[in-house]
């Protein structure tokens, strides 16, 4: 089970990134049920982490505009196991999308400091 808290009105969970020859790094992500891919990180964070570029992908944004975004690759710990994920380099804050929630249950206590749980079904 993955757990976090509601922070400033947003459900958040920490995601641990794995790097070869470097210590793991934990980053707090907002769980965004309107984002249908895996993870988003600001471009600056992607560059600092040195995540390898994989390809450019056309995406449709919430305002119905279309843009092309760089997609990078990362290894994270998800439910205690290493998992290769896509990281879109965009936005101002780290987002965790619904593609990582497939076959999981998300429960959020929508109150400041409330519990956020993601449990495998």
N, C-alpha and C. Protein backbone atom coordinates (compact mmCIF):
# COMPACT_ATOMS: atom_id res chain seq x y z
N UNK A 1 0.84 -1.18 0.00
CA UNK A 1 0.00 0.00 0.00
C UNK A 1 0.88 1.25 0.00
N UNK A 2 0.44 2.25 -0.71
CA UNK A 2 1.12 3.54 -0.78
C UNK A 2 0.26 4.52 0.00
N UNK A 3 0.87 5.34 0.83
CA UNK A 3 0.06 6.28 1.61
C UNK A 3 0.68 7.67 1.58
N UNK A 4 -0.18 8.66 1.80
CA UNK A 4 0.24 10.05 1.84
C UNK A 4 -0.78 10.85 2.61
N UNK A 5 -0.76 12.16 2.39
CA UNK A 5 -1.70 13.04 3.10
C UNK A 5 -2.25 14.10 2.15
N UNK A 6 -3.35 14.70 2.57
CA UNK A 6 -3.88 15.86 1.86
C UNK A 6 -3.11 17.08 2.36
N UNK A 7 -2.50 17.77 1.42
CA UNK A 7 -1.67 18.94 1.73
C UNK A 7 -2.16 20.12 0.92
N UNK A 8 -2.61 21.17 1.59
CA UNK A 8 -3.11 22.37 0.92
C UNK A 8 -4.22 22.02 -0.07
N UNK A 9 -5.09 21.08 0.33
CA UNK A 9 -6.23 20.70 -0.50
C UNK A 9 -5.94 19.69 -1.59
N UNK A 10 -4.69 19.20 -1.68
CA UNK A 10 -4.30 18.27 -2.74
C UNK A 10 -3.89 16.93 -2.12
N UNK A 11 -4.40 15.81 -2.66
CA UNK A 11 -3.91 14.51 -2.20
C UNK A 11 -2.48 14.31 -2.70
N UNK A 12 -1.58 13.98 -1.80
CA UNK A 12 -0.17 13.83 -2.17
C UNK A 12 0.38 12.50 -1.67
N UNK A 13 1.32 11.95 -2.44
CA UNK A 13 2.06 10.76 -2.03
C UNK A 13 3.52 10.95 -2.44
N UNK A 14 4.41 10.35 -1.70
CA UNK A 14 5.83 10.40 -2.04
C UNK A 14 6.16 9.22 -2.96
N UNK A 15 6.93 9.49 -4.00
CA UNK A 15 7.36 8.46 -4.94
C UNK A 15 8.88 8.42 -4.89
N UNK A 16 9.42 7.21 -4.69
CA UNK A 16 10.88 7.05 -4.63
C UNK A 16 11.43 6.72 -6.00
N UNK A 17 12.41 7.52 -6.43
CA UNK A 17 13.10 7.31 -7.70
C UNK A 17 14.38 6.53 -7.43
N UNK A 18 14.69 5.59 -8.32
CA UNK A 18 15.90 4.79 -8.23
C UNK A 18 16.86 5.23 -9.32
N UNK A 19 18.14 5.35 -8.96
CA UNK A 19 19.18 5.76 -9.90
C UNK A 19 20.37 4.81 -9.77
N UNK A 20 20.99 4.47 -10.88
CA UNK A 20 22.21 3.66 -10.76
C UNK A 20 23.32 4.48 -10.13
N UNK A 21 24.00 3.89 -9.18
CA UNK A 21 25.17 4.50 -8.52
C UNK A 21 24.85 5.79 -7.77
N UNK A 22 23.58 6.01 -7.41
CA UNK A 22 23.17 7.18 -6.61
C UNK A 22 22.12 6.73 -5.61
N UNK A 23 21.99 7.45 -4.50
CA UNK A 23 20.94 7.09 -3.55
C UNK A 23 19.54 7.35 -4.14
N UNK A 24 18.55 6.62 -3.62
CA UNK A 24 17.17 6.88 -4.01
C UNK A 24 16.79 8.30 -3.63
N UNK A 25 15.81 8.86 -4.35
CA UNK A 25 15.33 10.20 -4.08
C UNK A 25 13.81 10.16 -4.02
N UNK A 26 13.25 10.70 -2.94
CA UNK A 26 11.80 10.73 -2.76
C UNK A 26 11.26 12.11 -3.17
N UNK A 27 10.21 12.10 -4.01
CA UNK A 27 9.59 13.34 -4.48
C UNK A 27 8.10 13.26 -4.18
N UNK A 28 7.53 14.32 -3.64
CA UNK A 28 6.11 14.37 -3.34
C UNK A 28 5.32 14.74 -4.60
N UNK A 29 4.32 13.92 -4.94
CA UNK A 29 3.48 14.13 -6.12
C UNK A 29 2.04 14.39 -5.71
N UNK A 30 1.38 15.26 -6.45
CA UNK A 30 -0.06 15.45 -6.30
C UNK A 30 -0.75 14.39 -7.15
N UNK A 31 -1.69 13.66 -6.55
CA UNK A 31 -2.48 12.68 -7.29
C UNK A 31 -3.52 13.46 -8.09
N UNK A 32 -3.44 13.37 -9.42
CA UNK A 32 -4.30 14.16 -10.32
C UNK A 32 -5.13 13.21 -11.17
N UNK A 33 -6.40 13.02 -10.81
CA UNK A 33 -7.26 12.10 -11.55
C UNK A 33 -7.68 12.64 -12.91
N UNK A 34 -7.33 13.88 -13.22
CA UNK A 34 -7.57 14.43 -14.55
C UNK A 34 -6.40 14.22 -15.50
N UNK A 35 -5.31 13.69 -14.99
CA UNK A 35 -4.10 13.41 -15.78
C UNK A 35 -4.06 11.91 -16.05
N UNK A 36 -4.13 11.52 -17.32
CA UNK A 36 -4.31 10.11 -17.65
C UNK A 36 -3.01 9.35 -17.93
N UNK A 37 -1.86 9.98 -17.82
CA UNK A 37 -0.60 9.26 -18.03
C UNK A 37 -0.02 8.89 -16.67
N UNK A 38 1.30 8.67 -16.60
CA UNK A 38 1.91 8.17 -15.37
C UNK A 38 2.40 9.29 -14.45
N UNK A 39 3.48 9.99 -14.83
CA UNK A 39 4.03 11.05 -13.99
C UNK A 39 4.35 12.28 -14.82
N UNK A 40 4.25 13.45 -14.19
CA UNK A 40 4.72 14.72 -14.75
C UNK A 40 5.69 15.34 -13.77
N UNK A 41 6.76 15.88 -14.29
CA UNK A 41 7.71 16.67 -13.49
C UNK A 41 8.04 17.92 -14.27
N UNK A 42 8.28 19.04 -13.57
CA UNK A 42 8.75 20.22 -14.29
C UNK A 42 10.03 19.92 -15.06
N UNK A 43 10.19 20.57 -16.19
CA UNK A 43 11.36 20.34 -17.05
C UNK A 43 12.67 20.50 -16.29
N UNK A 44 12.72 21.48 -15.40
CA UNK A 44 13.95 21.72 -14.63
C UNK A 44 14.29 20.52 -13.75
N UNK A 45 13.28 19.90 -13.15
CA UNK A 45 13.50 18.73 -12.30
C UNK A 45 13.98 17.54 -13.13
N UNK A 46 13.38 17.35 -14.30
CA UNK A 46 13.79 16.27 -15.19
C UNK A 46 15.27 16.42 -15.56
N UNK A 47 15.67 17.66 -15.87
CA UNK A 47 17.07 17.92 -16.23
C UNK A 47 18.00 17.67 -15.04
N UNK A 48 17.62 18.15 -13.85
CA UNK A 48 18.45 17.94 -12.66
C UNK A 48 18.61 16.46 -12.32
N UNK A 49 17.55 15.69 -12.53
CA UNK A 49 17.60 14.25 -12.24
C UNK A 49 18.34 13.47 -13.33
N UNK A 50 18.52 14.09 -14.49
CA UNK A 50 19.21 13.43 -15.59
C UNK A 50 18.42 12.28 -16.19
N UNK A 51 17.08 12.41 -16.22
CA UNK A 51 16.25 11.33 -16.75
C UNK A 51 16.43 11.23 -18.26
N UNK A 52 16.64 10.03 -18.77
CA UNK A 52 16.88 9.88 -20.21
C UNK A 52 15.64 10.18 -21.04
N UNK A 53 15.85 10.94 -22.12
CA UNK A 53 14.78 11.27 -23.08
C UNK A 53 14.46 10.03 -23.89
N UNK A 54 13.15 9.78 -24.10
CA UNK A 54 12.72 8.62 -24.90
C UNK A 54 12.12 9.05 -26.24
N UNK A 55 11.16 10.00 -26.21
CA UNK A 55 10.49 10.45 -27.43
C UNK A 55 9.63 11.67 -27.12
N UNK A 56 9.14 12.31 -28.17
CA UNK A 56 8.20 13.43 -28.02
C UNK A 56 6.80 12.89 -28.30
N UNK A 57 5.81 13.36 -27.52
CA UNK A 57 4.46 12.84 -27.63
C UNK A 57 3.45 13.97 -27.71
N UNK A 58 2.53 13.93 -28.69
CA UNK A 58 1.46 14.92 -28.73
C UNK A 58 0.46 14.63 -27.61
N UNK A 59 0.06 15.68 -26.89
CA UNK A 59 -0.91 15.52 -25.81
C UNK A 59 -1.99 16.59 -25.92
N UNK A 60 -3.17 16.25 -25.41
CA UNK A 60 -4.29 17.17 -25.37
C UNK A 60 -4.43 17.65 -23.94
N UNK A 61 -4.36 18.96 -23.73
CA UNK A 61 -4.43 19.54 -22.39
C UNK A 61 -5.87 19.78 -21.97
N UNK A 62 -6.06 20.12 -20.70
CA UNK A 62 -7.41 20.33 -20.14
C UNK A 62 -8.17 21.44 -20.87
N UNK A 63 -7.45 22.42 -21.42
CA UNK A 63 -8.14 23.50 -22.14
C UNK A 63 -8.38 23.14 -23.61
N UNK A 64 -8.18 21.87 -23.95
CA UNK A 64 -8.36 21.30 -25.28
C UNK A 64 -7.30 21.75 -26.30
N UNK A 65 -6.23 22.38 -25.83
CA UNK A 65 -5.14 22.71 -26.73
C UNK A 65 -4.25 21.48 -26.87
N UNK A 66 -3.51 21.41 -27.98
CA UNK A 66 -2.60 20.29 -28.20
C UNK A 66 -1.17 20.80 -28.24
N UNK A 67 -0.30 20.09 -27.54
CA UNK A 67 1.12 20.41 -27.50
C UNK A 67 1.91 19.12 -27.64
N UNK A 68 3.18 19.25 -27.94
CA UNK A 68 4.07 18.10 -27.98
C UNK A 68 5.01 18.21 -26.78
N UNK A 69 5.07 17.13 -25.99
CA UNK A 69 5.87 17.14 -24.77
C UNK A 69 6.96 16.08 -24.83
N UNK A 70 8.12 16.39 -24.25
CA UNK A 70 9.17 15.38 -24.15
C UNK A 70 8.80 14.34 -23.09
N UNK A 71 9.03 13.07 -23.42
CA UNK A 71 8.77 11.97 -22.50
C UNK A 71 10.12 11.37 -22.11
N UNK A 72 10.32 11.24 -20.81
CA UNK A 72 11.55 10.69 -20.27
C UNK A 72 11.23 9.38 -19.55
N UNK A 73 12.27 8.67 -19.17
CA UNK A 73 12.10 7.38 -18.51
C UNK A 73 12.71 7.44 -17.11
N UNK A 74 12.04 6.78 -16.17
CA UNK A 74 12.56 6.71 -14.80
C UNK A 74 12.23 5.35 -14.22
N UNK A 75 12.98 4.98 -13.20
CA UNK A 75 12.68 3.79 -12.41
C UNK A 75 12.22 4.27 -11.04
N UNK A 76 11.02 3.82 -10.63
CA UNK A 76 10.48 4.19 -9.33
C UNK A 76 10.21 2.93 -8.52
N UNK A 77 10.02 3.11 -7.22
CA UNK A 77 9.52 2.03 -6.37
C UNK A 77 8.01 2.21 -6.28
N UNK A 78 7.26 1.20 -6.70
CA UNK A 78 5.80 1.26 -6.70
C UNK A 78 5.30 -0.02 -6.05
N UNK A 79 4.64 0.12 -4.91
CA UNK A 79 4.21 -1.05 -4.13
C UNK A 79 5.40 -1.94 -3.78
N UNK A 80 6.53 -1.32 -3.48
CA UNK A 80 7.71 -2.06 -3.05
C UNK A 80 8.51 -2.71 -4.16
N UNK A 81 8.09 -2.51 -5.43
CA UNK A 81 8.80 -3.11 -6.55
C UNK A 81 9.27 -2.04 -7.53
N UNK A 82 10.42 -2.30 -8.16
CA UNK A 82 10.90 -1.36 -9.18
C UNK A 82 9.97 -1.40 -10.38
N UNK A 83 9.71 -0.21 -10.91
CA UNK A 83 8.83 -0.10 -12.07
C UNK A 83 9.36 1.00 -12.99
N UNK A 84 9.44 0.69 -14.29
CA UNK A 84 9.85 1.67 -15.28
C UNK A 84 8.62 2.49 -15.66
N UNK A 85 8.75 3.83 -15.62
CA UNK A 85 7.61 4.70 -15.90
C UNK A 85 7.98 5.80 -16.89
N UNK A 86 6.93 6.36 -17.50
CA UNK A 86 7.06 7.54 -18.35
C UNK A 86 6.95 8.78 -17.48
N UNK A 87 7.80 9.76 -17.76
CA UNK A 87 7.75 11.05 -17.06
C UNK A 87 7.64 12.13 -18.12
N UNK A 88 6.51 12.84 -18.13
CA UNK A 88 6.33 13.96 -19.05
C UNK A 88 6.97 15.19 -18.43
N UNK A 89 7.79 15.88 -19.20
CA UNK A 89 8.49 17.07 -18.71
C UNK A 89 7.62 18.29 -18.99
N UNK A 90 6.84 18.69 -17.99
CA UNK A 90 5.95 19.83 -18.16
C UNK A 90 5.37 20.25 -16.81
N UNK A 91 4.82 21.43 -16.76
CA UNK A 91 4.09 21.88 -15.59
C UNK A 91 4.95 22.51 -14.52
N UNK A 92 4.27 22.88 -13.42
CA UNK A 92 4.93 23.54 -12.31
C UNK A 92 5.09 22.64 -11.10
N UNK A 93 4.30 21.56 -11.04
CA UNK A 93 4.37 20.69 -9.87
C UNK A 93 4.35 19.23 -10.31
N UNK A 94 4.94 18.35 -9.50
CA UNK A 94 4.90 16.93 -9.82
C UNK A 94 3.48 16.38 -9.74
N UNK A 95 3.07 15.65 -10.78
CA UNK A 95 1.73 15.05 -10.82
C UNK A 95 1.84 13.56 -11.04
N UNK A 96 0.98 12.81 -10.35
CA UNK A 96 0.85 11.38 -10.52
C UNK A 96 -0.51 11.13 -11.16
N UNK A 97 -0.51 10.47 -12.32
CA UNK A 97 -1.74 10.29 -13.08
C UNK A 97 -2.37 8.93 -12.95
N UNK A 98 -3.52 8.79 -13.59
CA UNK A 98 -4.33 7.59 -13.45
C UNK A 98 -3.72 6.34 -14.09
N UNK A 99 -2.77 6.49 -15.02
CA UNK A 99 -2.14 5.31 -15.61
C UNK A 99 -1.41 4.49 -14.54
N UNK A 100 -0.92 5.14 -13.48
CA UNK A 100 -0.29 4.40 -12.39
C UNK A 100 -1.32 3.81 -11.43
N UNK A 101 -2.57 4.26 -11.54
CA UNK A 101 -3.61 3.79 -10.64
C UNK A 101 -4.40 2.60 -11.19
N UNK A 102 -4.06 2.15 -12.40
CA UNK A 102 -4.72 0.95 -12.95
C UNK A 102 -4.60 -0.19 -11.95
N UNK A 103 -5.72 -0.89 -11.73
CA UNK A 103 -5.77 -2.02 -10.81
C UNK A 103 -5.44 -1.64 -9.37
N UNK A 104 -5.75 -0.40 -9.01
CA UNK A 104 -5.55 0.09 -7.65
C UNK A 104 -6.81 0.81 -7.17
N UNK A 105 -6.93 0.91 -5.87
CA UNK A 105 -8.01 1.71 -5.27
C UNK A 105 -7.39 2.95 -4.64
N UNK A 106 -7.93 4.12 -4.98
CA UNK A 106 -7.48 5.38 -4.40
C UNK A 106 -8.55 5.85 -3.41
N UNK A 107 -8.13 6.11 -2.16
CA UNK A 107 -9.03 6.62 -1.14
C UNK A 107 -8.42 7.90 -0.59
N UNK A 108 -9.23 8.96 -0.57
CA UNK A 108 -8.74 10.26 -0.10
C UNK A 108 -9.70 10.81 0.95
N UNK A 109 -9.18 11.14 2.12
CA UNK A 109 -9.96 11.86 3.13
C UNK A 109 -9.73 13.35 2.87
N UNK A 110 -10.69 13.98 2.20
CA UNK A 110 -10.49 15.36 1.76
C UNK A 110 -10.67 16.35 2.90
N UNK A 111 -9.68 16.36 3.77
CA UNK A 111 -9.55 17.35 4.83
C UNK A 111 -8.05 17.57 5.01
N UNK A 112 -7.65 18.75 5.39
CA UNK A 112 -6.22 19.04 5.53
C UNK A 112 -5.57 18.01 6.46
N UNK A 113 -4.52 17.36 5.98
CA UNK A 113 -3.85 16.31 6.74
C UNK A 113 -4.53 14.96 6.65
N UNK A 114 -5.62 14.88 5.87
CA UNK A 114 -6.34 13.62 5.72
C UNK A 114 -5.48 12.56 5.05
N UNK A 115 -5.86 11.32 5.25
CA UNK A 115 -5.09 10.19 4.75
C UNK A 115 -5.40 9.94 3.28
N UNK A 116 -4.35 9.65 2.51
CA UNK A 116 -4.44 9.25 1.08
C UNK A 116 -3.86 7.85 1.02
N UNK A 117 -4.63 6.90 0.46
CA UNK A 117 -4.10 5.55 0.31
C UNK A 117 -4.34 5.06 -1.12
N UNK A 118 -3.34 4.36 -1.63
CA UNK A 118 -3.42 3.71 -2.94
C UNK A 118 -3.09 2.26 -2.67
N UNK A 119 -4.09 1.40 -2.93
CA UNK A 119 -3.92 -0.02 -2.62
C UNK A 119 -4.19 -0.86 -3.84
N UNK A 120 -3.32 -1.85 -4.05
CA UNK A 120 -3.47 -2.74 -5.19
C UNK A 120 -4.72 -3.59 -5.01
N UNK A 121 -5.48 -3.75 -6.11
CA UNK A 121 -6.71 -4.57 -6.05
C UNK A 121 -6.39 -6.03 -6.26
